[in-house]
Amino acid sequence: MPTNAPLILIADDQRDVLEALRLLFKGEGFRTREVHSPSQVLRALEEHEFDLVLIDLNYTRDTTSGREGLDLLKRIQAIDGTLPVVVMTAWGNVDLAVEAMRAGARDFVQKPWDNPRLLTVVRTQVELARALRHSRRVEAENQVLRGARDSNLIATSASMAPVLEIVERVGPSDANVLITGENGTGKGVIARALHQRSHRAQRPLVIVNTGGLNEGVFESEMFGHVRGAFTDAKTERMGRFEMAVGGTLFLDEIANVPPSHQTKLLRVLETGEFERVGSSRTLATDARILSATNADIRKEVEAGRFRQDLLFRLNTVEIHLPALRERREDIPLLAAHFLKAQVGRSRKRLTGFDDAAMETMLTHAWPGNIRELSHAIERAALMASGECIRLQDLGLNTTGAAGSPARLEELTLEEVERQLIKTALAKCGGKAHLAAEALGLSRSAFYRRLEKHGL
């Protein structure tokens, strides 16, 4: 069995129960370790890292109070609050299971258990726990790299002052926030800042590029599916709303969601309820919703391409990010920040920018905004031959020696592709889905190229 298969710790005082559970989980691709008492559970947790703990609530013969299991649950929570615990209890003892849920158990199953129900509970909780641990690990790594929680949120310009004020006021709340602005202005950074300031900061921030999902996979990605729901659904899958339970769900490029799916999103935002594809079982989510778009979403509403009632649900508060050309005072600080990150990655000794490079950065149009600046610094760090970044290292010149536009034959294939994409975006008013259609590309292929070229 693969060493990365989920490892389940099972605790029960009955050997036949342990053996039955071991065989069930083995047949479904899980690794297990079986123990008979609370003390053995605690010892096992010291020796191994588990994906889930499945515990009985009673271990002493003729005892039905569940105190042993509840005390064990609290001790497991104290050791690792991210480790999901599922409790088992005899039929008819639901009150005890409810008490366990209040004490921190993620779910419960009744004995004798129903195999499909038990496996669904275990898969769901394992997937949630792995997503949470991954999110925390990535965030911890980012904090080490950045040196501070919000060092990516670099803003001293007057045009960014209202943005920072709203982030500080709204961050601790559960209000839905719509973040608008051109591509590359830092909408994702603002979403992370809002999440970090909320009481949900220890839960996952789940990010989904809704503009990159085609209609065929949208429901499965957002709501999940059950086995057999469609031809390729060989296993159950958790959707993004499920993964974000207790945390934050960031819906990027929200204006590009097809009208046929906007109704489904609206229902979840209104009721907090949804069903996996192929299932009639209603699930619930309490995720906070952050969304972002580079489109003029009100014009989309006027044109009938975006539901007004959905917009009302998304923008309890709206934050508009200025383009980089509107906050040029921040360019030196942003450039220094990106250069510092590149120094750590490239292991080069780079101390700063020469006067020509800095002057060009301050006057450049930056159609790709902060993302374009970041890519320019990354290129410069690779190309630099000395300790100081020079103008030619940045690769921002698009004109010939006489100041005329570069000829087509002087451009690389990547530069031509980048220019075509920029032109299409400009003609389509910044609407990515229209630019993709104009270039004959699928949305997902177009978004891959946007990321590739830093647009």
Protein backbone atom coordinates (compact mmCIF):
# COMPACT_ATOMS: atom_id res chain seq x y z
CA MET A 1 0.00 0.00 0.00
CA PRO A 2 1.39 3.49 -0.85
CA THR A 3 3.16 5.19 2.06
CA ASN A 4 1.19 8.37 1.38
CA ALA A 5 -2.15 6.57 1.87
CA PRO A 6 -4.13 8.08 4.75
CA LEU A 7 -3.20 6.59 8.15
CA ILE A 8 -6.15 6.02 10.50
CA LEU A 9 -5.81 5.35 14.25
CA ILE A 10 -8.68 3.15 15.50
CA ALA A 11 -9.42 2.76 19.21
CA ASP A 12 -11.94 0.24 20.57
CA ASP A 13 -11.87 -2.32 23.40
CA GLN A 14 -13.43 -5.06 21.23
CA ARG A 15 -11.03 -7.01 19.03
CA ASP A 16 -13.69 -8.09 16.53
CA VAL A 17 -14.65 -4.43 15.99
CA LEU A 18 -11.01 -3.48 15.38
CA GLU A 19 -10.54 -6.34 12.92
CA ALA A 20 -13.71 -5.50 11.00
CA LEU A 21 -12.69 -1.85 10.70
CA ARG A 22 -9.14 -2.78 9.68
CA LEU A 23 -10.37 -4.97 6.84
CA LEU A 24 -12.91 -2.35 5.70
CA PHE A 25 -10.34 0.45 5.53
CA LYS A 26 -7.66 -1.76 3.98
CA GLY A 27 -10.02 -2.59 1.13
CA GLU A 28 -10.53 1.15 0.51
CA GLY A 29 -6.82 2.04 0.39
CA PHE A 30 -6.34 3.28 3.97
CA ARG A 31 -3.54 2.33 6.34
CA THR A 32 -4.60 1.67 9.93
CA ARG A 33 -3.23 1.19 13.41
CA GLU A 34 -5.46 -0.43 16.04
CA VAL A 35 -5.30 0.14 19.82
CA HIS A 36 -7.50 -0.91 22.74
CA SER A 37 -7.37 1.92 25.28
CA PRO A 38 -7.06 5.70 25.69
CA SER A 39 -3.51 5.38 26.99
CA GLN A 40 -2.51 3.47 23.86
CA VAL A 41 -4.08 6.21 21.72
CA LEU A 42 -1.93 8.88 23.39
CA ARG A 43 1.19 6.73 23.03
CA ALA A 44 0.46 6.16 19.33
CA LEU A 45 0.04 9.90 18.75
CA GLU A 46 3.53 10.45 20.15
CA GLU A 47 5.02 7.93 17.73
CA HIS A 48 3.17 8.64 14.47
CA GLU A 49 1.38 11.38 12.56
CA PHE A 50 -2.15 10.26 11.74
CA ASP A 51 -4.70 11.63 9.26
CA LEU A 52 -7.69 10.76 11.44
CA VAL A 53 -8.56 9.13 14.77
CA LEU A 54 -11.65 6.92 15.08
CA ILE A 55 -12.47 6.30 18.75
CA ASP A 56 -15.09 4.51 20.77
CA LEU A 57 -16.53 6.44 23.71
CA ASN A 58 -16.47 3.57 26.24
CA TYR A 59 -13.56 1.26 27.16
CA THR A 60 -14.44 -0.23 30.55
CA ARG A 61 -16.86 -3.18 30.52
CA ASP A 62 -20.47 -2.25 31.35
CA THR A 63 -19.67 1.48 31.15
CA THR A 64 -21.98 3.60 29.00
CA SER A 65 -21.35 7.17 30.23
CA GLY A 66 -18.86 7.95 27.49
CA ARG A 67 -16.64 9.88 29.93
CA GLU A 68 -13.53 7.95 28.93
CA GLY A 69 -14.02 8.84 25.28
CA LEU A 70 -14.86 12.49 25.99
CA ASP A 71 -11.77 12.89 28.17
CA LEU A 72 -9.65 11.25 25.48
CA LEU A 73 -11.14 13.58 22.86
CA LYS A 74 -10.10 16.64 24.88
CA ARG A 75 -6.55 15.32 25.27
CA ILE A 76 -6.27 14.66 21.54
CA GLN A 77 -7.49 18.19 20.85
CA ALA A 78 -4.83 19.56 23.17
CA ILE A 79 -2.12 17.61 21.33
CA ASP A 80 -3.22 18.57 17.79
CA GLY A 81 -6.26 20.72 17.13
CA THR A 82 -6.08 20.00 13.38
CA LEU A 83 -6.33 16.21 13.80
CA PRO A 84 -9.91 15.12 13.00
CA VAL A 85 -11.54 12.83 15.54
CA VAL A 86 -14.62 10.77 14.66
CA VAL A 87 -16.43 9.06 17.54
CA MET A 88 -18.35 5.79 17.56
CA THR A 89 -21.31 5.28 19.84
CA ALA A 90 -23.97 2.62 20.32
CA TRP A 91 -27.32 3.07 18.60
CA GLY A 92 -29.71 5.20 20.61
CA ASN A 93 -27.00 7.19 22.38
CA VAL A 94 -27.18 10.22 20.10
CA ASP A 95 -27.11 12.72 23.00
CA LEU A 96 -23.64 11.50 23.89
CA ALA A 97 -22.53 11.91 20.28
CA VAL A 98 -23.84 15.47 20.25
CA GLU A 99 -21.84 16.22 23.40
CA ALA A 100 -18.76 14.81 21.68
CA MET A 101 -19.36 17.07 18.68
CA ARG A 102 -19.54 20.07 20.98
CA ALA A 103 -16.25 18.98 22.55
CA GLY A 104 -14.50 19.00 19.18
CA ALA A 105 -15.31 15.75 17.39
CA ARG A 106 -15.70 16.30 13.64
CA ASP A 107 -18.45 13.68 13.20
CA PHE A 108 -19.91 10.51 14.70
CA VAL A 109 -21.10 7.09 13.55
CA GLN A 110 -23.47 4.72 15.27
CA LYS A 111 -22.76 1.07 16.00
CA PRO A 112 -23.47 -1.09 14.15
CA TRP A 113 -22.15 1.21 11.46
CA ASP A 114 -23.16 1.55 7.84
CA ASN A 115 -20.04 1.00 5.71
CA PRO A 116 -20.76 3.61 2.98
CA ARG A 117 -21.68 6.22 5.61
CA LEU A 118 -18.52 5.52 7.66
CA LEU A 119 -16.25 5.64 4.62
CA THR A 120 -17.82 8.92 3.44
CA VAL A 121 -17.29 10.51 6.86
CA VAL A 122 -13.67 9.34 7.02
CA ARG A 123 -12.80 10.43 3.46
CA THR A 124 -14.38 13.84 3.98
CA GLN A 125 -12.59 14.51 7.25
CA VAL A 126 -9.23 13.27 5.96
CA GLU A 127 -9.48 15.52 2.93
CA LEU A 128 -10.49 18.52 5.03
CA ALA A 129 -7.67 17.95 7.50
CA ARG A 130 -5.07 17.59 4.76
CA ALA A 131 -6.30 20.79 3.11
CA LEU A 132 -6.13 22.63 6.45
CA ARG A 133 -2.65 21.37 7.25
CA HIS A 134 -1.42 22.21 3.76
CA SER A 135 -2.90 25.71 4.03
CA ARG A 136 -1.22 26.29 7.38
CA ARG A 137 2.09 24.91 6.16
CA VAL A 138 2.07 27.16 3.08
CA GLU A 139 1.10 30.18 5.16
CA ALA A 140 3.87 29.45 7.68
CA GLU A 141 6.40 29.16 4.84
CA ASN A 142 5.14 32.40 3.34
CA GLN A 143 5.48 34.19 6.66
CA VAL A 144 9.06 32.99 6.99
CA LEU A 145 9.86 34.14 3.45
CA ARG A 146 8.12 37.49 3.95
CA GLY A 147 9.39 38.04 7.48
CA ALA A 148 6.05 39.54 8.55
CA ARG A 149 2.37 38.79 8.21
CA ASP A 150 1.55 41.55 5.77
CA SER A 151 4.85 42.49 4.17
CA ASN A 152 3.25 41.64 0.81
CA LEU A 153 0.69 44.38 1.45
CA ILE A 154 3.02 47.24 0.56
CA ALA A 155 1.19 50.53 0.24
CA THR A 156 2.17 54.04 1.28
CA SER A 157 0.52 56.01 -1.53
CA ALA A 158 -2.51 58.21 -0.93
CA SER A 159 -4.62 56.19 -3.38
CA MET A 160 -4.13 53.04 -1.29
CA ALA A 161 -5.05 54.64 2.06
CA PRO A 162 -8.82 53.99 1.67
CA VAL A 163 -8.08 50.36 0.75
CA LEU A 164 -6.00 49.79 3.88
CA GLU A 165 -8.65 51.42 6.04
CA ILE A 166 -11.41 49.16 4.69
CA VAL A 167 -9.23 46.07 5.14
CA GLU A 168 -8.65 46.93 8.79
CA ARG A 169 -12.34 47.63 9.44
CA VAL A 170 -13.87 44.76 7.51
CA GLY A 171 -11.22 42.07 7.96
CA PRO A 172 -12.36 40.89 11.42
CA SER A 173 -15.99 40.56 10.27
CA ASP A 174 -17.75 37.83 8.31
CA ALA A 175 -18.93 40.28 5.64
CA ASN A 176 -18.70 39.19 2.00
CA VAL A 177 -16.25 41.41 0.13
CA LEU A 178 -15.98 42.10 -3.62
CA ILE A 179 -12.49 43.19 -4.70
CA THR A 180 -12.29 44.99 -8.05
CA GLY A 181 -9.40 46.27 -10.12
CA GLU A 182 -7.35 45.58 -13.22
CA ASN A 183 -5.44 42.34 -13.71
CA GLY A 184 -2.36 42.19 -11.53
CA THR A 185 -3.33 44.91 -9.04
CA GLY A 186 -3.06 42.58 -6.03
CA LYS A 187 -6.62 41.39 -5.47
CA GLY A 188 -5.36 38.07 -4.14
CA VAL A 189 -3.08 39.85 -1.65
CA ILE A 190 -6.05 41.82 -0.33
CA ALA A 191 -8.09 38.62 -0.01
CA ARG A 192 -5.32 37.04 2.09
CA ALA A 193 -5.07 40.15 4.25
CA LEU A 194 -8.82 40.03 4.93
CA HIS A 195 -8.61 36.33 5.81
CA GLN A 196 -5.62 36.85 8.11
CA ARG A 197 -7.49 39.51 10.08
CA SER A 198 -10.59 37.38 10.61
CA HIS A 199 -11.40 34.84 13.32
CA ARG A 200 -11.18 32.29 10.50
CA ALA A 201 -7.42 32.80 10.06
CA GLN A 202 -6.64 29.35 11.48
CA ARG A 203 -9.01 27.69 9.01
CA PRO A 204 -8.36 27.24 5.27
CA LEU A 205 -8.36 30.02 2.69
CA VAL A 206 -9.59 28.15 -0.40
CA ILE A 207 -8.88 29.91 -3.70
CA VAL A 208 -10.64 29.06 -6.95
CA ASN A 209 -10.27 30.78 -10.31
CA THR A 210 -13.88 30.61 -11.40
CA GLY A 211 -13.00 32.15 -14.76
CA GLY A 212 -10.75 29.19 -15.52
CA LEU A 213 -13.46 26.57 -14.95
CA ASN A 214 -15.39 25.45 -17.98
CA GLU A 215 -19.08 24.67 -17.66
CA GLY A 216 -18.50 20.93 -17.67
CA VAL A 217 -16.52 20.88 -14.42
CA PHE A 218 -17.88 23.92 -12.59
CA GLU A 219 -20.41 22.11 -10.38
CA SER A 220 -18.03 19.28 -9.56
CA GLU A 221 -15.25 21.69 -8.59
CA MET A 222 -17.46 23.94 -6.50
CA PHE A 223 -19.86 21.45 -4.90
CA GLY A 224 -18.09 18.09 -5.27
CA HIS A 225 -19.53 14.86 -6.63
CA VAL A 226 -20.32 11.32 -5.51
CA ARG A 227 -18.98 8.15 -7.05
CA GLY A 228 -20.78 7.33 -10.29
CA ALA A 229 -22.26 10.81 -10.74
CA PHE A 230 -20.79 10.86 -14.25
CA THR A 231 -18.50 8.74 -16.42
CA ASP A 232 -15.17 9.75 -14.84
CA ALA A 233 -16.46 9.99 -11.26
CA LYS A 234 -14.68 6.88 -9.95
CA THR A 235 -14.40 8.23 -6.40
CA GLU A 236 -16.17 10.79 -4.26
CA ARG A 237 -14.78 14.32 -4.44
CA MET A 238 -15.09 17.21 -2.04
CA GLY A 239 -15.97 20.58 -3.57
CA ARG A 240 -14.48 23.97 -2.73
CA PHE A 241 -17.44 25.01 -0.56
CA GLU A 242 -16.91 21.90 1.58
CA MET A 243 -13.17 22.48 1.83
CA ALA A 244 -13.78 26.04 3.03
CA VAL A 245 -16.12 25.13 5.91
CA GLY A 246 -15.24 27.38 8.83
CA GLY A 247 -12.77 29.28 6.65
CA THR A 248 -12.80 31.60 3.66
CA LEU A 249 -13.62 30.91 0.01
CA PHE A 250 -12.03 33.30 -2.50
CA LEU A 251 -13.80 33.30 -5.89
CA ASP A 252 -11.45 34.97 -8.36
CA GLU A 253 -12.69 36.29 -11.72
CA ILE A 254 -16.28 35.98 -10.51
CA ALA A 255 -17.70 37.99 -13.42
CA ASN A 256 -16.78 35.14 -15.77
CA VAL A 257 -19.08 32.59 -14.12
CA PRO A 258 -21.60 31.49 -16.78
CA PRO A 259 -25.19 32.67 -16.15
CA SER A 260 -26.34 29.06 -15.92
CA HIS A 261 -24.20 28.58 -12.81
CA GLN A 262 -24.81 31.93 -11.18
CA THR A 263 -28.17 30.66 -9.91
CA LYS A 264 -26.47 27.76 -8.14
CA LEU A 265 -23.98 30.10 -6.50
CA LEU A 266 -26.77 32.41 -5.41
CA ARG A 267 -28.59 29.58 -3.68
CA VAL A 268 -25.49 28.64 -1.64
CA LEU A 269 -24.89 32.26 -0.65
CA GLU A 270 -28.52 32.69 0.40
CA THR A 271 -29.03 29.42 2.28
CA GLY A 272 -25.55 28.05 2.98
CA GLU A 273 -26.76 24.74 1.50
CA PHE A 274 -25.76 22.69 -1.55
CA GLU A 275 -25.62 19.13 -2.87
CA ARG A 276 -22.76 17.25 -4.42
CA VAL A 277 -23.30 16.34 -8.06
CA GLY A 278 -25.23 13.06 -8.18
CA SER A 279 -26.38 13.25 -4.55
CA SER A 280 -29.67 14.28 -2.96
CA ARG A 281 -28.06 14.79 0.45
CA THR A 282 -27.98 18.47 1.41
CA LEU A 283 -24.71 19.75 2.88
CA ALA A 284 -24.05 23.03 4.66
CA THR A 285 -21.21 25.54 4.60
CA ASP A 286 -20.53 28.64 6.64
CA ALA A 287 -17.57 29.83 4.57
CA ARG A 288 -16.97 33.55 4.26
CA ILE A 289 -17.07 34.59 0.62
CA LEU A 290 -14.49 36.91 -0.92
CA SER A 291 -14.65 37.51 -4.66
CA ALA A 292 -12.71 39.48 -7.24
CA THR A 293 -13.02 40.65 -10.81
CA ASN A 294 -11.18 42.86 -13.28
CA ALA A 295 -14.39 43.51 -15.24
CA ASP A 296 -16.85 46.36 -14.78
CA ILE A 297 -19.35 44.10 -13.07
CA ARG A 298 -22.14 46.66 -13.07
CA LYS A 299 -21.94 46.88 -16.84
CA GLU A 300 -22.13 43.09 -16.88
CA VAL A 301 -25.34 43.36 -14.82
CA GLU A 302 -26.76 45.99 -17.18
CA ALA A 303 -25.96 43.76 -20.16
CA GLY A 304 -27.76 40.84 -18.53
CA ARG A 305 -24.62 38.72 -18.22
CA PHE A 306 -24.44 38.84 -14.43
CA ARG A 307 -27.29 38.51 -11.93
CA GLN A 308 -27.95 41.63 -9.90
CA ASP A 309 -29.15 39.64 -6.88
CA LEU A 310 -25.89 37.66 -6.91
CA LEU A 311 -23.92 40.90 -7.00
CA PHE A 312 -25.85 42.14 -3.95
CA ARG A 313 -24.84 38.97 -2.09
CA LEU A 314 -21.18 39.30 -3.06
CA ASN A 315 -20.54 42.96 -2.34
CA THR A 316 -21.67 43.65 1.17
CA VAL A 317 -18.46 45.68 1.03
CA GLU A 318 -16.55 46.56 -2.12
CA ILE A 319 -12.83 47.32 -2.31
CA HIS A 320 -11.48 48.87 -5.51
CA LEU A 321 -7.74 48.61 -6.10
CA PRO A 322 -6.02 51.39 -8.07
CA ALA A 323 -3.76 50.48 -10.98
CA LEU A 324 -0.01 50.65 -10.40
CA ARG A 325 0.22 53.76 -12.60
CA GLU A 326 -2.11 55.46 -10.08
CA ARG A 327 0.18 54.65 -7.13
CA ARG A 328 3.66 55.26 -8.52
CA GLU A 329 4.95 56.24 -5.07
CA ASP A 330 4.77 52.54 -4.16
CA ILE A 331 6.92 51.35 -7.07
CA PRO A 332 10.34 51.72 -5.34
CA LEU A 333 9.11 49.82 -2.26
CA LEU A 334 7.45 47.12 -4.32
CA ALA A 335 10.52 46.74 -6.54
CA ALA A 336 12.78 46.43 -3.49
CA HIS A 337 10.46 43.84 -1.98
CA PHE A 338 10.44 41.71 -5.13
CA LEU A 339 14.21 42.06 -5.50
CA LYS A 340 14.76 40.87 -1.94
CA ALA A 341 12.68 37.76 -2.66
CA GLN A 342 14.68 37.07 -5.83
CA VAL A 343 18.00 37.46 -4.01
CA GLY A 344 16.95 34.64 -1.70
CA ARG A 345 15.98 32.41 -4.62
CA SER A 346 18.81 33.16 -7.05
CA ARG A 347 21.55 33.38 -4.38
CA LYS A 348 22.97 36.40 -6.17
CA ARG A 349 24.28 39.50 -4.45
CA LEU A 350 21.96 42.21 -5.74
CA THR A 351 21.90 45.52 -3.91
CA GLY A 352 19.41 47.63 -5.86
CA PHE A 353 18.67 49.46 -9.12
CA ASP A 354 20.67 52.01 -11.08
CA ASP A 355 19.14 55.43 -11.81
CA ALA A 356 18.05 54.58 -15.36
CA ALA A 357 16.29 51.40 -14.24
CA MET A 358 14.45 53.17 -11.43
CA GLU A 359 13.46 56.10 -13.65
CA THR A 360 12.06 53.73 -16.25
CA MET A 361 10.10 51.78 -13.64
CA LEU A 362 8.61 55.02 -12.32
CA THR A 363 7.47 56.15 -15.77
CA HIS A 364 6.54 52.80 -17.34
CA ALA A 365 2.81 52.31 -18.06
CA TRP A 366 2.69 48.89 -16.32
CA PRO A 367 -0.37 47.49 -18.14
CA GLY A 368 0.12 44.28 -16.17
CA ASN A 369 0.36 46.24 -12.90
CA ILE A 370 2.10 44.71 -9.87
CA ARG A 371 2.24 41.26 -11.44
CA GLU A 372 4.12 42.68 -14.43
CA LEU A 373 6.51 44.51 -12.09
CA SER A 374 7.16 41.27 -10.19
CA HIS A 375 7.93 39.39 -13.40
CA ALA A 376 10.20 42.21 -14.59
CA ILE A 377 12.20 42.04 -11.35
CA GLU A 378 12.40 38.25 -11.60
CA ARG A 379 13.80 38.54 -15.12
CA ALA A 380 16.21 41.29 -14.08
CA ALA A 381 17.57 39.19 -11.22
CA LEU A 382 18.30 36.36 -13.65
CA MET A 383 19.86 38.61 -16.29
CA ALA A 384 21.90 40.88 -14.02
CA SER A 385 25.67 40.47 -14.34
CA GLY A 386 26.57 42.83 -11.50
CA GLU A 387 25.26 43.78 -8.10
CA CYS A 388 22.99 46.51 -9.45
CA ILE A 389 19.93 45.99 -11.69
CA ARG A 390 20.35 47.93 -14.94
CA LEU A 391 17.73 49.16 -17.38
CA GLN A 392 18.49 46.46 -19.95
CA ASP A 393 18.09 43.76 -17.28
CA LEU A 394 14.43 44.70 -16.81
CA GLY A 395 13.51 43.98 -20.43
CA LEU A 396 10.94 46.79 -20.53
CA ASN A 397 12.09 48.48 -23.75
CA THR A 398 9.62 47.86 -26.58
CA THR A 399 10.99 50.47 -29.01
CA GLY A 400 13.90 50.49 -31.40
CA ALA A 401 16.92 52.76 -31.26
CA ALA A 402 15.12 55.58 -33.05
CA GLY A 403 12.14 55.35 -30.75
CA SER A 404 9.91 53.60 -33.27
CA PRO A 405 8.06 50.41 -32.36
CA ALA A 406 10.10 47.23 -32.65
CA ARG A 407 9.54 45.34 -35.87
CA LEU A 408 7.76 42.00 -35.73
CA GLU A 409 10.87 40.10 -36.85
CA GLU A 410 12.78 41.60 -33.90
CA LEU A 411 10.40 40.09 -31.36
CA THR A 412 10.51 36.60 -29.92
CA LEU A 413 7.51 34.29 -30.24
CA GLU A 414 6.67 34.84 -26.57
CA GLU A 415 6.82 38.63 -27.00
CA VAL A 416 4.47 38.43 -30.00
CA GLU A 417 2.04 36.26 -28.06
CA ARG A 418 2.16 38.65 -25.11
CA GLN A 419 1.46 41.64 -27.35
CA LEU A 420 -1.47 39.88 -29.03
CA ILE A 421 -3.01 39.11 -25.64
CA LYS A 422 -2.55 42.71 -24.44
CA THR A 423 -4.13 44.02 -27.65
CA ALA A 424 -7.08 41.65 -27.36
CA LEU A 425 -7.65 42.64 -23.74
CA ALA A 426 -7.54 46.33 -24.64
CA LYS A 427 -10.05 45.86 -27.49
CA CYS A 428 -12.38 43.89 -25.21
CA GLY A 429 -12.30 46.41 -22.40
CA GLY A 430 -10.31 44.12 -20.10
CA LYS A 431 -12.91 41.32 -20.26
CA ALA A 432 -10.88 38.13 -20.26
CA HIS A 433 -13.64 35.85 -21.54
CA LEU A 434 -14.26 38.08 -24.58
CA ALA A 435 -10.52 38.37 -25.30
CA ALA A 436 -10.25 34.57 -25.12
CA GLU A 437 -13.06 34.20 -27.68
CA ALA A 438 -11.44 36.79 -29.96
CA LEU A 439 -8.17 34.82 -29.93
CA GLY A 440 -9.90 31.47 -30.38
CA LEU A 441 -8.75 30.16 -26.98
CA SER A 442 -10.64 28.38 -24.23
CA ARG A 443 -10.94 30.30 -20.97
CA SER A 444 -8.58 27.95 -19.13
CA ALA A 445 -5.94 28.20 -21.91
CA PHE A 446 -6.27 31.98 -21.95
CA TYR A 447 -5.83 32.24 -18.18
CA ARG A 448 -2.73 30.05 -18.34
CA ARG A 449 -1.24 32.48 -20.83
CA LEU A 450 -2.18 35.48 -18.68
CA GLU A 451 -0.28 33.96 -15.77
CA LYS A 452 2.63 33.00 -18.00
CA HIS A 453 3.08 36.55 -19.27
CA GLY A 454 2.28 38.29 -15.99
CA LEU A 455 -0.80 40.08 -17.32
